[in-house]
Amino acid sequence: MLKSSRLLKIINNNVTLRWTRLQNSASDVTQSSRQKAWLTARERYKNHEHVYYSSVLETKWKSSTPPASVNSQFPHDWMDDYEFYEGGKSTDSKHGTPDASIPASTVPCSGCGAHLHCSNISMPGYIPSEIFNGRSQQELKTIICQRCHFLNHYNIALDVDVPPSSYVDTISRIQDHFALAIVMVDLLDFPSSIWPGMQHVLGTKRPVFLVGNKVDLLPRDSNSYLNHVKHCLQRSFIQHGGGDGLNIKNVSLISAKTGYGIEELITQLHKTWSYKGDVYLLGCTNVGKSTLFNILLNSDYCRPEASELVRKATTCPWPGTTLELLRFPIFRPSDSRVYQRFKRLFSERVERASLDKLRREQAQKTGAVAAAQPESQVGRSFDRREVVNDSFSMAAGTQPITSLNERRAEYREARWVYDTPGVMQPDQLTALLTAEELAQLQPTTMIRPRAFRLRPKMTLLLGGLARMDILDLSGSEKHYDWLKVFLFASQNLPVMIADTLQAETVYKRYLGTPFLGIPSASGDLEARLKRWPGLHCKDKDIVVSKSGRHEGRLNCDITLSSAGWLGLLLPDNSECSLRVWTPHAAGIYVRTPAVIPLADRLVGKHIRNSLAYNTTMPFVFKK
C-alpha cells in the first residue's frame, strides 16, 4: 500500500511537469525570447513617436560626472571679503556704489589685467567706491576686481561690456615686438579653436610654438596615439589660418590641468628660444592660456622671487576671463641653470617611470580612467626666494613685499611671458551658453566614445546643440543597410536618434527637456528658449566615401563646433551623404584623418534590440 501511494505521487509530479512544459512551449510558439525582448524595448518608446533611441530612456540617463555647481544667488555681503572694506555703509546696489567722479587708476587687476576703477559697474576692472576710494597704488596691487573676485570665490560670472575689437587690438601689440608666440589650441575643439586671423597677427616670419591643450581628455586608442594627434593638430592649424607652417618651431601636447607635457615644453623653450625676447600666450577663448600661465608662473621658467609676488590669473570654465595683458619675468636660462635643471629632471626620471608603470598597471587591472590619463608633476630646480629683508620685521622699518616692483634694476632688461585675452572664434558655441550649460558641455574626465548603428533616413541629435542626418548610404556593388558612428562628447550630453522626416518636429518637442539637456534653465525656461537660435545646416551636404579594404580605422571626423565631434566608420567601397546642423551652422568641418582612428577598439558589442553599442574603458595599451 505504501509503495502504491509513492508511485501515484511520482506519476502526478511527472504529469504536472509535462503540463507546465506544454504550456510554456505553446506560449513560445507565439512569442520567442527575442520577440519578447524586442517588445520590451519598444515599450519604452510607445509615448515617444518617431524616436528610435534615447540615452535617457535606454539607460535611465544620469550624468556620470555631475556638472560643476553654479551658484545663482548673489551674495550681498561679498564686500566683507575685502581687507580694505570698512563695512557699515548701506547701499541700494548689490554691486556696491559706483562713483564716476573718482579717476581710474593705472594699476591692473592681477586676475584679468583690466585697470582698476569705480566709475562703471559694467566696465572691466570695476571695484565699488567703498573699497577703491582712498587706496594707494601699493594697496591696489593687492586687490582684484569684482568680476575676478566672484569667479574665484562664488563661481559666478558677471557680465562686462567688452567689444570684440578690443580683444584683437590688445593681442595685436605683438606685431611690433620681437617675440615668440605660443599658440594654444583646444584639442577637443579644433579647428573651431584656431582663430582664422592668427596669420595676420603673427606674420610669416614669427617663430611659433603650437601647443595642444587638454590632451588628458582624449581617448587612448593605441600606444602611439599622441604622435598621430600631433600630426592632426599641425595639419589643421596650417589648413585653417596658420600659414605655410615653416615658422612652427615646435608642436607640444600638454594638459595644463594635470601638468603633463609642461616640463618638456619648458625644455624646448630653453633650447629653441632661450632668452631672445618676450613670449606671448595666444589663442581663442577657453583654450587654457591662463591655466598654462599659472603653471609656468610656478615653474623653472619664472624668476623664483617673482613666483611669490605675481598673483595667478583668474581661471574658470567661462570664456573671456583675461581682459588685458598679464605678465611675469622669465628666468634667464644660463648654462649653469640649464645644467642644474637637467640634473633635477635626470634624478626624477626613475621615479617618474616607476609612477607611470604603477598607474598603467592600475588602469589595466581596475579600469580606473584617472590612472590612464597623462599626468606629470611640475617641479622647481631653484630656490623660490632670494635673500631679502623679512617681510614681517615691521619694527625695523621694513615694508612688507606684497607685489612685484617692475621698476627695479633687475627687471629693466627682463624678458616677460604675457597672458593675452582670448579671441572669440565665430565657430565657437560658448557665447550662446549659460554658466550651467557650459558646465554640462565640458568633459572632466577622459572621453568615452559612444557608438551607434545608423541607417539612411535616421537623424542623430546631440542635446539641442547639433544634429546629423544620414541621407543616403550606397556602394558600387550593393546597397548597405547601416554605418557605424562614434560620438566624442561629454557624457553629460544626452543623445537621441529619430526619423529624419520628423526630426524637426522631434527637436521642437523635446527642446528644453532632459531628453536634449541643452538649452536649459533653472528659472524662466520659456525666455531661454526664445533666445535660443535653433539649428541650421550648410548650403551643401557632406559626401564621404570609403574605397579599399576595411581596416577598422575611422574614415573621417565631422566636427560639431564646441559640442564635440562624430567619427564615421563606413563599409568597404561605400559612399555616404550627410547633412549636419549646429546653431548658425557654425563649426561644421570634415576632418581627415580622424583624430582617434582606432576608436572601434574602445567600444563593446552591439546591444540587442538597440541602435547603440556597449561603452567600455576609453583606453587600450597596444599598438
Foldseek 3Di string as FASTA:
>chain_A
DVVVVVVVVVVVVVVVVVVVVVVVVVVCVVPPPLRVVLVVVCVLCPVPPQFFDWPCSPVVDDAPDDFDDADPDQDQPLCVVDPQQPDPDDDPDSQAAADQVDDWDPAAFLAFGHTAHRHDPQAPRHHHCSRPPPDDSVRVNLDHGPQLSCCVPRVDHDHHDDDLVLQVVQLLVCQPFQEEEEEEDELQFPPLFAAQCPCVSQPDQHAYEYEYEPQLQAFAQEPCLVVLSQVLSQVRNCVRHNPPSPRYPYYFYAYLVQGFGLVVVVVVCCVPVQFVAAYEYAIAWQRCLQSSVLVCLQALQAQLQQSQARDGHRDDLATFSHNHKHKGFTDHCDPVNVVLVVVVCVVCVVVVVVLLVVLVVCCVPPVDQVSVGRHDDGDYSDHNDDDDDDCPPVVVVHHHRRHDDCPDPVNPPTHMYIYGHHRNRPQAPSVLADSSVSSLFDADGHWFKWKFWDFAQKKKAFQQFKIKHWHAKQFPVGGDGTWMKIWTTRSSTMMIMGGNVCVVVSSVVCHQHSSRPPPHDPPPSVVSVVSQQGKDWDPDWDKFFAEDQQDQWFAWWWWRGSRGIMTTRGHYRMMTTMIMIGRVNGSTDTRPPYSSGNSVVQWAACDSSHRITHGGRSYDYHD
